[in-house]
Protein backbone atom coordinates (compact mmCIF):
# COMPACT_ATOMS: atom_id res chain seq x y z
CA UNK A 1 77.82 -39.37 34.76
CA UNK A 2 77.15 -35.37 35.57
CA UNK A 3 78.00 -34.97 31.39
CA UNK A 4 75.59 -37.94 30.72
CA UNK A 5 72.39 -37.02 32.96
CA UNK A 6 72.95 -32.85 30.82
CA UNK A 7 72.46 -34.94 27.84
CA UNK A 8 69.83 -37.26 28.47
CA UNK A 9 67.92 -34.18 29.85
CA UNK A 10 68.47 -32.05 26.48
CA UNK A 11 67.62 -35.19 24.76
CA UNK A 12 64.14 -35.63 26.58
CA UNK A 13 63.65 -31.64 26.26
CA UNK A 14 63.81 -31.67 22.84
CA UNK A 15 61.44 -34.96 22.08
CA UNK A 16 59.09 -33.59 24.58
CA UNK A 17 59.12 -30.42 22.73
CA UNK A 18 59.34 -31.90 19.06
CA UNK A 19 56.51 -33.97 20.05
CA UNK A 20 53.80 -31.40 21.86
CA UNK A 21 52.69 -30.11 17.98
CA UNK A 22 51.85 -33.88 17.10
CA UNK A 23 49.92 -34.10 20.29
CA UNK A 24 47.51 -31.31 19.07
CA UNK A 25 43.95 -32.04 17.86
CA UNK A 26 40.52 -31.24 18.06
CA UNK A 27 37.87 -32.12 20.81
CA UNK A 28 34.34 -31.93 21.17
CA UNK A 29 32.64 -32.44 24.82
CA UNK A 30 28.64 -32.24 25.75
CA UNK A 31 27.59 -32.71 29.50
CA UNK A 32 25.18 -35.50 29.83
CA UNK A 33 25.25 -36.45 25.81
CA UNK A 34 22.84 -39.03 24.73
CA UNK A 35 20.74 -39.83 22.28
CA UNK A 36 17.63 -37.94 20.98
CA UNK A 37 18.71 -35.45 23.51
CA UNK A 38 17.61 -31.79 22.63
CA UNK A 39 18.98 -28.52 22.95
CA UNK A 40 22.49 -29.76 23.34
CA UNK A 41 25.56 -27.18 23.63
CA UNK A 42 28.70 -28.79 22.11
CA UNK A 43 32.06 -27.61 23.66
CA UNK A 44 35.03 -27.55 20.93
CA UNK A 45 38.60 -27.17 21.34
CA UNK A 46 41.03 -26.71 18.41
CA UNK A 47 44.73 -26.99 19.43
CA UNK A 48 47.22 -25.16 17.29
CA UNK A 49 49.68 -27.42 15.40
CA UNK A 50 51.49 -24.31 13.87
CA UNK A 51 54.52 -22.04 15.36
CA UNK A 52 54.27 -19.67 12.46
CA UNK A 53 50.88 -18.82 12.10
CA UNK A 54 47.28 -18.64 14.04
CA UNK A 55 44.14 -20.34 13.62
CA UNK A 56 41.51 -18.32 11.41
CA UNK A 57 38.73 -20.88 10.53
CA UNK A 58 37.00 -23.62 11.65
CA UNK A 59 35.02 -25.84 9.11
CA UNK A 60 32.97 -28.49 10.75
CA UNK A 61 31.32 -31.43 8.60
CA UNK A 62 28.28 -32.41 10.53
CA UNK A 63 27.65 -36.26 11.31
CA UNK A 64 24.26 -37.92 9.57
CA UNK A 65 21.85 -37.06 11.73
CA UNK A 66 22.14 -33.50 11.98
CA UNK A 67 21.62 -30.81 9.92
CA UNK A 68 23.00 -27.04 9.22
CA UNK A 69 19.59 -25.37 10.23
CA UNK A 70 19.33 -27.24 13.42
CA UNK A 71 22.85 -26.02 14.82
CA UNK A 72 22.97 -22.17 16.67
CA UNK A 73 26.33 -20.76 17.57
CA UNK A 74 26.46 -19.79 21.27
CA UNK A 75 29.83 -18.50 21.77
CA UNK A 76 33.23 -18.50 20.58
CA UNK A 77 36.55 -15.96 19.82
CA UNK A 78 36.15 -12.45 19.93
CA UNK A 79 35.00 -10.99 16.52
CA UNK A 80 34.97 -14.41 15.24
CA UNK A 81 31.43 -15.45 13.52
CA UNK A 82 28.99 -18.05 12.33
CA UNK A 83 27.99 -19.27 8.90
CA UNK A 84 26.02 -22.37 7.81
CA UNK A 85 27.58 -24.43 4.81
CA UNK A 86 25.89 -27.24 2.60
CA UNK A 87 27.53 -29.48 4.26
CA UNK A 88 28.25 -28.06 8.34
CA UNK A 89 29.00 -24.84 9.39
CA UNK A 90 32.21 -22.54 9.88
CA UNK A 91 33.50 -20.13 12.69
CA UNK A 92 36.22 -18.03 12.12
CA UNK A 93 37.76 -14.55 12.08
CA UNK A 94 40.60 -12.74 12.62
CA UNK A 95 43.71 -14.64 12.90
CA UNK A 96 44.22 -15.68 16.52
CA UNK A 97 48.00 -14.95 18.25
CA UNK A 98 50.50 -17.88 17.08
CA UNK A 99 50.36 -20.86 19.51
CA UNK A 100 47.05 -19.82 21.01
CA UNK A 101 44.27 -22.45 20.84
CA UNK A 102 40.48 -22.09 19.58
CA UNK A 103 37.34 -22.72 22.01
CA UNK A 104 33.74 -22.26 21.17
CA UNK A 105 30.29 -23.72 21.79
CA UNK A 106 27.51 -24.51 19.51
CA UNK A 107 23.91 -25.65 20.39
CA UNK A 108 22.13 -28.34 18.44
CA UNK A 109 18.42 -28.61 18.31
CA UNK A 110 18.68 -32.19 18.95
CA UNK A 111 21.11 -35.24 18.77
CA UNK A 112 20.52 -38.18 16.61
CA UNK A 113 20.06 -42.22 17.65
CA UNK A 114 23.53 -43.11 17.47
CA UNK A 115 26.21 -44.43 19.56
CA UNK A 116 28.99 -41.98 18.53
CA UNK A 117 28.97 -38.71 16.33
CA UNK A 118 32.43 -37.25 14.95
CA UNK A 119 32.38 -34.19 13.71
CA UNK A 120 34.99 -33.95 10.60
CA UNK A 121 37.21 -30.51 11.17
CA UNK A 122 39.37 -28.51 8.64
CA UNK A 123 41.29 -25.95 10.90
CA UNK A 124 42.93 -22.96 8.80
CA UNK A 125 45.52 -20.70 9.49
CA UNK A 126 46.65 -16.88 8.41
CA UNK A 127 49.59 -18.52 6.50
CA UNK A 128 47.10 -20.74 4.26
CA UNK A 129 47.93 -24.02 5.90
CA UNK A 130 45.05 -26.33 6.89
CA UNK A 131 44.63 -29.35 9.27
CA UNK A 132 42.34 -31.80 8.24
CA UNK A 133 41.21 -33.41 11.36
CA UNK A 134 38.96 -36.01 9.35
CA UNK A 135 40.00 -39.58 10.37
CA UNK A 136 37.65 -42.07 11.36
CA UNK A 137 39.86 -45.13 12.54
CA UNK A 138 41.88 -44.35 15.64
CA UNK A 139 45.71 -43.70 14.73
CA UNK A 140 48.08 -46.92 16.00
CA UNK A 141 50.01 -46.77 18.91
CA UNK A 142 53.07 -44.50 18.04
CA UNK A 143 51.56 -42.56 14.81
CA UNK A 144 50.40 -38.90 14.95
CA UNK A 145 47.13 -39.24 12.58
CA UNK A 146 44.33 -36.59 12.55
CA UNK A 147 41.25 -38.41 14.08
CA UNK A 148 38.22 -36.35 13.58
CA UNK A 149 36.43 -34.91 16.90
CA UNK A 150 34.22 -37.62 18.20
CA UNK A 151 31.54 -37.70 20.95
CA UNK A 152 30.48 -40.57 22.56
CA UNK A 153 26.61 -40.90 23.61
CA UNK A 154 24.73 -42.56 26.29
CA UNK A 155 21.37 -44.81 25.50
CA UNK A 156 18.32 -42.38 24.72
CA UNK A 157 15.95 -41.63 27.44
CA UNK A 158 12.75 -43.83 28.12
CA UNK A 159 10.27 -42.42 25.99
CA UNK A 160 12.66 -40.01 23.53
CA UNK A 161 11.95 -39.58 20.09
CA UNK A 162 12.88 -37.75 17.31
CA UNK A 163 11.50 -34.20 17.09
CA UNK A 164 10.20 -32.85 13.56
CA UNK A 165 13.21 -31.99 11.14
CA UNK A 166 13.84 -28.32 11.08
CA UNK A 167 12.70 -26.30 8.03
CA UNK A 168 15.08 -25.19 5.64
CA UNK A 169 14.18 -21.85 3.26
CA UNK A 170 13.63 -23.88 0.45
CA UNK A 171 10.65 -26.10 2.16
CA UNK A 172 9.42 -23.51 4.11
CA UNK A 173 8.89 -20.38 1.84
CA UNK A 174 6.56 -21.60 -0.91
CA UNK A 175 5.84 -18.92 -3.05
CA UNK A 176 1.36 -18.06 -3.15
CA UNK A 177 0.06 -19.10 -6.64
CA UNK A 178 -1.16 -16.19 -8.65
CA UNK A 179 -4.85 -15.34 -8.69
CA UNK A 180 -4.41 -14.60 -12.10
CA UNK A 181 -2.82 -17.97 -13.13
CA UNK A 182 -5.13 -19.75 -10.52
CA UNK A 183 -8.54 -19.01 -11.88
CA UNK A 184 -9.57 -19.48 -15.36
CA UNK A 185 -10.48 -16.17 -17.42
CA UNK A 186 -13.90 -15.19 -17.81
CA UNK A 187 -15.19 -16.27 -21.10
CA UNK A 188 -17.54 -13.99 -22.72
CA UNK A 189 -21.14 -15.19 -23.66
CA UNK A 190 -22.38 -15.68 -27.10
CA UNK A 191 -24.55 -12.30 -27.01
CA UNK A 192 -21.36 -10.46 -25.76
CA UNK A 193 -19.38 -11.84 -29.02
CA UNK A 194 -22.39 -10.73 -31.45
CA UNK A 195 -22.55 -7.28 -29.59
CA UNK A 196 -18.40 -7.29 -30.14
CA UNK A 197 -18.37 -8.46 -33.60
CA UNK A 198 -21.54 -5.73 -34.89
CA UNK A 199 -19.36 -2.97 -33.02
CA UNK A 200 -16.26 -3.81 -35.01
CA UNK A 201 -18.31 -3.95 -38.07
CA UNK A 202 -18.94 -0.33 -37.04
CA UNK A 203 -22.87 -0.73 -36.44
CA UNK A 204 -24.92 -1.43 -33.37
CA UNK A 205 -27.83 -3.96 -32.70
CA UNK A 206 -30.42 -0.55 -32.74
CA UNK A 207 -28.92 0.88 -35.93
CA UNK A 208 -28.94 -2.39 -37.56
CA UNK A 209 -32.53 -2.81 -36.92
CA UNK A 210 -34.02 0.51 -37.94
CA UNK A 211 -31.76 0.06 -41.04
CA UNK A 212 -34.24 -3.17 -41.64
CA UNK A 213 -37.42 -1.45 -40.80
CA UNK A 214 -36.72 1.31 -43.04
CA UNK A 215 -35.72 -1.27 -45.80
CA UNK A 216 -38.78 -3.07 -45.52
CA UNK A 217 -40.64 0.19 -45.31
CA UNK A 218 -39.47 1.57 -48.46
CA UNK A 219 -39.73 -2.00 -50.61
CA UNK A 220 -43.42 -1.58 -49.21
CA UNK A 221 -44.02 2.08 -50.35
CA UNK A 222 -42.89 1.16 -53.94
CA UNK A 223 -44.71 -1.68 -54.45
CA UNK A 224 -48.26 0.54 -53.18
CA UNK A 225 -46.93 2.81 -55.82
CA UNK A 226 -46.76 0.56 -58.69
CA UNK A 227 -49.79 -0.71 -58.39
CA UNK A 228 -52.11 2.58 -57.88
CA UNK A 229 -50.70 3.97 -61.00
CA UNK A 230 -51.07 0.44 -62.74
CA UNK A 231 -54.56 1.01 -62.04
CA UNK A 232 -54.70 4.88 -63.21
CA UNK A 233 -53.24 3.83 -66.45
CA UNK A 234 -55.88 0.72 -67.19
CA UNK A 235 -58.53 3.25 -66.43
C-alpha cells in the first residue's frame, strides 16, 4: 500500500506538471465593461507555454468596431513598446525571463455595441516559437485548444451613443491645394497681344506711327514737286 501510494503521488504530480503548460492561455478583463462605454482600460494577461524561451511580443488583432487609432498604450513590461498595425497593435520588447507571464494594459476610446469582443492574439518567444490564440469557439472538455481572449460586455447604458470615428492620418491630413493650380493664369488682352507682337518684330507702336507719317509726307512732297516742275516746263 505504501509503494502504491508513492507511485500514485508521483503519477499525479507528473500529470499536473505536464498539464500546466497546456492550461496556459491569454485573458482580457475590464472593470465594468459594457457596450458603448468610453475610455475603457483593458487588462491583458498572457501566460507562457514555453520552458525554453521567454515571451518577446504579443500581436493583437482587434475585433470589429475598434480601430487601431482608438487604442492607447497604458502600461506593460519594462522596456516594451507599443506599435499600431493595420489590423491592431503589438506590444513587445526584450525577451522576458523563461517561464514569466506578461501583463499589460491599453485604453480603448469606446467599446462597440456588442455582447462580447474577441481579441485574437499571436504570442511570440525568443526562440521563434509562436502561440496562436485565435480560436473563437470554446474547446471541448478534455481538449487544450487555443481560444482567443474574449471580453463579455454588459448592455449599453441608457442614452449611450457611438462617438464619431477617430480620424486617421489619411483622412485628417489632406494637403491644401496650390494657388497656382486652383487659380487660372491671367489671359492677355488683345492690346497686350498686339504690343507683344510688335515688340517681337523689333518695332514699337510709336515708331510705326512715325514711319507712316514720314511716308505720307514724302509721297505728298513728291507729288507737289512733280506738279510744279510740270507747270514750269509748259510755260
